[in-house]
Amino acid sequence: MPPPGAGEWQADAVTWLLDQAPPEFRSYAVVRHHPLLLAWLVAHHVRAQQEALRAARSTARRDLSQELPPEVAPRLFDVLDREELRLRRLARAVDLLEQAVRGRRFVPRM
């Protein structure tokens, strides 16, 4: 992703955000043409995914223990851990992009 203000950075931002969004978002012209709206919607979508993941973690043993072999549980929780980390990174990236679209400029630090 190029830095804000560099060439067509908002077009690149829209492309990246659409890759993070549900595929249906591509069909809405208003979403494609307003990067701030898209970033805002994607941020909500990512938060909803995080909430769903927490709910899945809290009920996994109860919901699945009768139908899945016991050796699957550690692998399931590994998947949930990995997905939680991915979603945290994604939420941070979407937040930074939304701030950039809103005009906030970041100064590189050492």
N, C-alpha and C. Protein backbone atom coordinates (compact mmCIF):
# COMPACT_ATOMS: atom_id res chain seq x y z
N MET A 1 0.85 -1.16 0.00
CA MET A 1 0.00 0.00 0.00
C MET A 1 0.90 1.23 0.00
N PRO A 2 0.72 2.11 -0.96
CA PRO A 2 1.50 3.35 -0.96
C PRO A 2 1.05 4.26 0.19
N PRO A 3 1.90 5.18 0.60
CA PRO A 3 1.52 6.08 1.68
C PRO A 3 0.42 7.05 1.23
N PRO A 4 -0.38 7.54 2.19
CA PRO A 4 -1.42 8.52 1.84
C PRO A 4 -0.82 9.71 1.10
N GLY A 5 -1.53 10.14 0.08
CA GLY A 5 -1.08 11.27 -0.71
C GLY A 5 -0.22 10.89 -1.89
N ALA A 6 0.21 9.64 -1.96
CA ALA A 6 1.07 9.18 -3.06
C ALA A 6 0.20 8.67 -4.20
N GLY A 7 0.18 9.41 -5.28
CA GLY A 7 -0.53 8.96 -6.48
C GLY A 7 -1.97 8.58 -6.22
N GLU A 8 -2.30 7.38 -6.64
CA GLU A 8 -3.67 6.87 -6.52
C GLU A 8 -3.83 6.00 -5.27
N TRP A 9 -3.32 6.45 -4.15
CA TRP A 9 -3.33 5.61 -2.95
C TRP A 9 -4.74 5.24 -2.52
N GLN A 10 -5.71 6.13 -2.73
CA GLN A 10 -7.07 5.80 -2.31
C GLN A 10 -7.66 4.68 -3.17
N ALA A 11 -7.31 4.63 -4.44
CA ALA A 11 -7.78 3.53 -5.29
C ALA A 11 -7.19 2.21 -4.80
N ASP A 12 -5.90 2.23 -4.43
CA ASP A 12 -5.28 1.03 -3.86
C ASP A 12 -5.92 0.66 -2.53
N ALA A 13 -6.27 1.67 -1.74
CA ALA A 13 -6.92 1.43 -0.45
C ALA A 13 -8.28 0.77 -0.66
N VAL A 14 -9.04 1.26 -1.62
CA VAL A 14 -10.35 0.67 -1.91
C VAL A 14 -10.20 -0.78 -2.35
N THR A 15 -9.24 -1.05 -3.21
CA THR A 15 -9.01 -2.42 -3.66
C THR A 15 -8.69 -3.32 -2.48
N TRP A 16 -7.80 -2.88 -1.60
CA TRP A 16 -7.42 -3.68 -0.44
C TRP A 16 -8.61 -3.88 0.49
N LEU A 17 -9.35 -2.81 0.76
CA LEU A 17 -10.51 -2.92 1.64
C LEU A 17 -11.56 -3.87 1.07
N LEU A 18 -11.80 -3.79 -0.23
CA LEU A 18 -12.76 -4.71 -0.84
C LEU A 18 -12.31 -6.16 -0.70
N ASP A 19 -11.01 -6.39 -0.72
CA ASP A 19 -10.49 -7.75 -0.51
C ASP A 19 -10.77 -8.24 0.91
N GLN A 20 -10.94 -7.33 1.86
CA GLN A 20 -11.20 -7.71 3.25
C GLN A 20 -12.70 -7.80 3.55
N ALA A 21 -13.51 -7.29 2.65
CA ALA A 21 -14.95 -7.19 2.87
C ALA A 21 -15.68 -8.39 2.28
N PRO A 22 -16.95 -8.57 2.66
CA PRO A 22 -17.75 -9.59 2.00
C PRO A 22 -17.82 -9.29 0.50
N PRO A 23 -17.85 -10.31 -0.34
CA PRO A 23 -17.83 -10.09 -1.80
C PRO A 23 -18.97 -9.20 -2.29
N GLU A 24 -20.09 -9.22 -1.60
CA GLU A 24 -21.24 -8.42 -2.03
C GLU A 24 -20.95 -6.93 -2.00
N PHE A 25 -20.00 -6.49 -1.18
CA PHE A 25 -19.69 -5.07 -1.11
C PHE A 25 -19.24 -4.52 -2.46
N ARG A 26 -18.65 -5.36 -3.29
CA ARG A 26 -18.18 -4.92 -4.61
C ARG A 26 -19.33 -4.45 -5.51
N SER A 27 -20.53 -4.94 -5.23
CA SER A 27 -21.66 -4.61 -6.10
C SER A 27 -22.33 -3.28 -5.73
N TYR A 28 -21.91 -2.66 -4.64
CA TYR A 28 -22.52 -1.41 -4.20
C TYR A 28 -21.65 -0.23 -4.62
N ALA A 29 -22.11 0.52 -5.60
CA ALA A 29 -21.34 1.65 -6.13
C ALA A 29 -21.00 2.66 -5.04
N VAL A 30 -21.95 2.95 -4.16
CA VAL A 30 -21.70 3.95 -3.12
C VAL A 30 -20.54 3.52 -2.22
N VAL A 31 -20.40 2.24 -1.99
CA VAL A 31 -19.31 1.72 -1.15
C VAL A 31 -17.99 1.82 -1.89
N ARG A 32 -18.00 1.47 -3.17
CA ARG A 32 -16.76 1.52 -3.96
C ARG A 32 -16.26 2.95 -4.18
N HIS A 33 -17.18 3.90 -4.22
CA HIS A 33 -16.80 5.28 -4.54
C HIS A 33 -16.51 6.16 -3.32
N HIS A 34 -16.70 5.64 -2.14
CA HIS A 34 -16.45 6.41 -0.92
C HIS A 34 -15.56 5.60 0.02
N PRO A 35 -14.24 5.80 -0.08
CA PRO A 35 -13.30 5.01 0.73
C PRO A 35 -13.57 5.07 2.23
N LEU A 36 -14.01 6.22 2.73
CA LEU A 36 -14.28 6.31 4.16
C LEU A 36 -15.45 5.41 4.55
N LEU A 37 -16.49 5.43 3.75
CA LEU A 37 -17.64 4.56 4.00
C LEU A 37 -17.21 3.09 3.97
N LEU A 38 -16.43 2.73 2.99
CA LEU A 38 -15.95 1.35 2.87
C LEU A 38 -15.10 0.96 4.08
N ALA A 39 -14.18 1.82 4.48
CA ALA A 39 -13.33 1.52 5.64
C ALA A 39 -14.17 1.37 6.90
N TRP A 40 -15.15 2.22 7.06
CA TRP A 40 -16.04 2.16 8.22
C TRP A 40 -16.81 0.84 8.24
N LEU A 41 -17.36 0.45 7.09
CA LEU A 41 -18.10 -0.81 7.01
C LEU A 41 -17.20 -2.02 7.26
N VAL A 42 -16.00 -2.00 6.69
CA VAL A 42 -15.07 -3.12 6.88
C VAL A 42 -14.67 -3.21 8.35
N ALA A 43 -14.47 -2.08 9.00
CA ALA A 43 -14.13 -2.10 10.43
C ALA A 43 -15.24 -2.77 11.23
N HIS A 44 -16.48 -2.44 10.92
CA HIS A 44 -17.61 -3.10 11.60
C HIS A 44 -17.65 -4.59 11.29
N HIS A 45 -17.39 -4.93 10.06
CA HIS A 45 -17.40 -6.34 9.66
C HIS A 45 -16.32 -7.13 10.41
N VAL A 46 -15.14 -6.57 10.52
CA VAL A 46 -14.05 -7.25 11.23
C VAL A 46 -14.40 -7.41 12.70
N ARG A 47 -14.98 -6.37 13.31
CA ARG A 47 -15.39 -6.49 14.72
C ARG A 47 -16.44 -7.59 14.89
N ALA A 48 -17.35 -7.70 13.95
CA ALA A 48 -18.36 -8.76 14.02
C ALA A 48 -17.71 -10.14 13.91
N GLN A 49 -16.71 -10.26 13.05
CA GLN A 49 -15.99 -11.52 12.95
C GLN A 49 -15.29 -11.85 14.26
N GLN A 50 -14.70 -10.84 14.89
CA GLN A 50 -14.03 -11.07 16.17
C GLN A 50 -15.03 -11.53 17.23
N GLU A 51 -16.20 -10.92 17.27
CA GLU A 51 -17.23 -11.33 18.22
C GLU A 51 -17.70 -12.76 17.94
N ALA A 52 -17.87 -13.10 16.68
CA ALA A 52 -18.29 -14.46 16.32
C ALA A 52 -17.23 -15.48 16.73
N LEU A 53 -15.98 -15.13 16.57
CA LEU A 53 -14.89 -16.02 16.95
C LEU A 53 -14.88 -16.24 18.46
N ARG A 54 -15.10 -15.18 19.23
CA ARG A 54 -15.16 -15.33 20.69
C ARG A 54 -16.33 -16.22 21.09
N ALA A 55 -17.46 -16.05 20.43
CA ALA A 55 -18.63 -16.88 20.73
C ALA A 55 -18.35 -18.34 20.38
N ALA A 56 -17.69 -18.57 19.26
CA ALA A 56 -17.35 -19.94 18.86
C ALA A 56 -16.42 -20.58 19.88
N ARG A 57 -15.42 -19.83 20.32
CA ARG A 57 -14.48 -20.35 21.31
C ARG A 57 -15.21 -20.73 22.60
N SER A 58 -16.14 -19.89 23.02
CA SER A 58 -16.79 -20.13 24.30
C SER A 58 -17.76 -21.31 24.27
N THR A 59 -18.22 -21.70 23.10
CA THR A 59 -19.19 -22.80 23.04
C THR A 59 -18.68 -24.04 22.30
N ALA A 60 -17.46 -24.00 21.82
CA ALA A 60 -16.95 -25.09 20.98
C ALA A 60 -17.01 -26.45 21.66
N ARG A 61 -16.49 -26.56 22.86
CA ARG A 61 -16.48 -27.86 23.55
C ARG A 61 -17.90 -28.37 23.76
N ARG A 62 -18.76 -27.53 24.25
CA ARG A 62 -20.14 -27.94 24.51
C ARG A 62 -20.86 -28.34 23.22
N ASP A 63 -20.68 -27.55 22.17
CA ASP A 63 -21.41 -27.79 20.93
C ASP A 63 -20.88 -28.98 20.13
N LEU A 64 -19.59 -29.27 20.23
CA LEU A 64 -18.98 -30.24 19.32
C LEU A 64 -18.44 -31.50 19.98
N SER A 65 -18.36 -31.54 21.30
CA SER A 65 -17.68 -32.66 21.97
C SER A 65 -18.34 -34.01 21.71
N GLN A 66 -19.62 -34.04 21.47
CA GLN A 66 -20.30 -35.32 21.24
C GLN A 66 -20.10 -35.86 19.82
N GLU A 67 -19.81 -34.98 18.87
CA GLU A 67 -19.72 -35.39 17.47
C GLU A 67 -18.30 -35.48 16.93
N LEU A 68 -17.35 -34.82 17.57
CA LEU A 68 -15.97 -34.83 17.07
C LEU A 68 -15.07 -35.62 18.00
N PRO A 69 -14.06 -36.29 17.44
CA PRO A 69 -13.11 -37.00 18.30
C PRO A 69 -12.34 -36.02 19.18
N PRO A 70 -11.93 -36.46 20.38
CA PRO A 70 -11.26 -35.56 21.32
C PRO A 70 -9.97 -34.95 20.78
N GLU A 71 -9.28 -35.65 19.89
CA GLU A 71 -8.01 -35.11 19.38
C GLU A 71 -8.21 -33.91 18.44
N VAL A 72 -9.44 -33.64 18.06
CA VAL A 72 -9.71 -32.49 17.19
C VAL A 72 -9.70 -31.18 17.99
N ALA A 73 -10.06 -31.23 19.25
CA ALA A 73 -10.19 -30.01 20.06
C ALA A 73 -8.92 -29.15 20.06
N PRO A 74 -7.73 -29.72 20.32
CA PRO A 74 -6.54 -28.84 20.30
C PRO A 74 -6.31 -28.20 18.93
N ARG A 75 -6.61 -28.93 17.88
CA ARG A 75 -6.41 -28.37 16.54
C ARG A 75 -7.43 -27.26 16.26
N LEU A 76 -8.65 -27.47 16.74
CA LEU A 76 -9.68 -26.43 16.60
C LEU A 76 -9.24 -25.16 17.31
N PHE A 77 -8.76 -25.29 18.54
CA PHE A 77 -8.36 -24.10 19.29
C PHE A 77 -7.12 -23.45 18.69
N ASP A 78 -6.28 -24.24 18.04
CA ASP A 78 -5.16 -23.65 17.31
C ASP A 78 -5.67 -22.79 16.15
N VAL A 79 -6.65 -23.30 15.42
CA VAL A 79 -7.26 -22.53 14.33
C VAL A 79 -7.88 -21.24 14.88
N LEU A 80 -8.60 -21.35 15.98
CA LEU A 80 -9.23 -20.17 16.56
C LEU A 80 -8.19 -19.15 17.03
N ASP A 81 -7.08 -19.63 17.61
CA ASP A 81 -5.99 -18.72 18.01
C ASP A 81 -5.40 -17.99 16.81
N ARG A 82 -5.14 -18.74 15.75
CA ARG A 82 -4.56 -18.13 14.55
C ARG A 82 -5.51 -17.11 13.93
N GLU A 83 -6.77 -17.46 13.90
CA GLU A 83 -7.76 -16.55 13.32
C GLU A 83 -7.90 -15.29 14.19
N GLU A 84 -7.83 -15.45 15.49
CA GLU A 84 -7.90 -14.29 16.38
C GLU A 84 -6.74 -13.33 16.10
N LEU A 85 -5.54 -13.87 15.93
CA LEU A 85 -4.39 -13.03 15.62
C LEU A 85 -4.55 -12.34 14.27
N ARG A 86 -5.02 -13.09 13.28
CA ARG A 86 -5.23 -12.51 11.95
C ARG A 86 -6.22 -11.36 12.02
N LEU A 87 -7.31 -11.56 12.74
CA LEU A 87 -8.32 -10.52 12.84
C LEU A 87 -7.83 -9.31 13.62
N ARG A 88 -6.99 -9.53 14.63
CA ARG A 88 -6.41 -8.38 15.35
C ARG A 88 -5.54 -7.55 14.42
N ARG A 89 -4.70 -8.23 13.64
CA ARG A 89 -3.84 -7.50 12.69
C ARG A 89 -4.69 -6.77 11.66
N LEU A 90 -5.72 -7.44 11.17
CA LEU A 90 -6.60 -6.83 10.18
C LEU A 90 -7.32 -5.62 10.76
N ALA A 91 -7.83 -5.73 11.97
CA ALA A 91 -8.52 -4.60 12.60
C ALA A 91 -7.59 -3.40 12.71
N ARG A 92 -6.35 -3.64 13.08
CA ARG A 92 -5.37 -2.55 13.21
C ARG A 92 -5.11 -1.91 11.84
N ALA A 93 -4.93 -2.75 10.82
CA ALA A 93 -4.67 -2.23 9.48
C ALA A 93 -5.85 -1.41 8.96
N VAL A 94 -7.06 -1.90 9.17
CA VAL A 94 -8.25 -1.17 8.72
C VAL A 94 -8.36 0.15 9.47
N ASP A 95 -8.08 0.13 10.77
CA ASP A 95 -8.14 1.36 11.56
C ASP A 95 -7.14 2.40 11.04
N LEU A 96 -5.92 1.96 10.78
CA LEU A 96 -4.90 2.89 10.25
C LEU A 96 -5.32 3.46 8.90
N LEU A 97 -5.88 2.61 8.06
CA LEU A 97 -6.32 3.06 6.74
C LEU A 97 -7.49 4.04 6.87
N GLU A 98 -8.42 3.73 7.76
CA GLU A 98 -9.54 4.65 7.97
C GLU A 98 -9.05 6.01 8.46
N GLN A 99 -8.09 6.01 9.38
CA GLN A 99 -7.53 7.27 9.86
C GLN A 99 -6.86 8.04 8.72
N ALA A 100 -6.15 7.33 7.85
CA ALA A 100 -5.49 7.99 6.71
C ALA A 100 -6.52 8.59 5.76
N VAL A 101 -7.61 7.86 5.51
CA VAL A 101 -8.67 8.38 4.64
C VAL A 101 -9.29 9.63 5.27
N ARG A 102 -9.37 9.67 6.58
CA ARG A 102 -9.91 10.83 7.28
C ARG A 102 -8.93 12.00 7.31
N GLY A 103 -7.72 11.78 6.80
CA GLY A 103 -6.75 12.87 6.70
C GLY A 103 -5.64 12.86 7.73
N ARG A 104 -5.64 11.89 8.61
CA ARG A 104 -4.57 11.84 9.61
C ARG A 104 -3.28 11.40 8.93
N ARG A 105 -2.21 12.08 9.22
CA ARG A 105 -0.91 11.74 8.65
C ARG A 105 -0.02 11.19 9.76
N PHE A 106 0.71 10.18 9.43
CA PHE A 106 1.58 9.52 10.39
C PHE A 106 3.03 9.90 10.11
N VAL A 107 3.76 10.13 11.16
CA VAL A 107 5.18 10.45 11.05
C VAL A 107 5.97 9.20 11.40
N PRO A 108 6.84 8.74 10.49
CA PRO A 108 7.63 7.54 10.81
C PRO A 108 8.49 7.77 12.05
N ARG A 109 8.56 6.74 12.88
CA ARG A 109 9.40 6.80 14.08
C ARG A 109 10.43 5.70 14.01
N MET A 110 11.54 5.96 14.67
CA MET A 110 12.59 4.95 14.70
C MET A 110 12.37 4.02 15.86
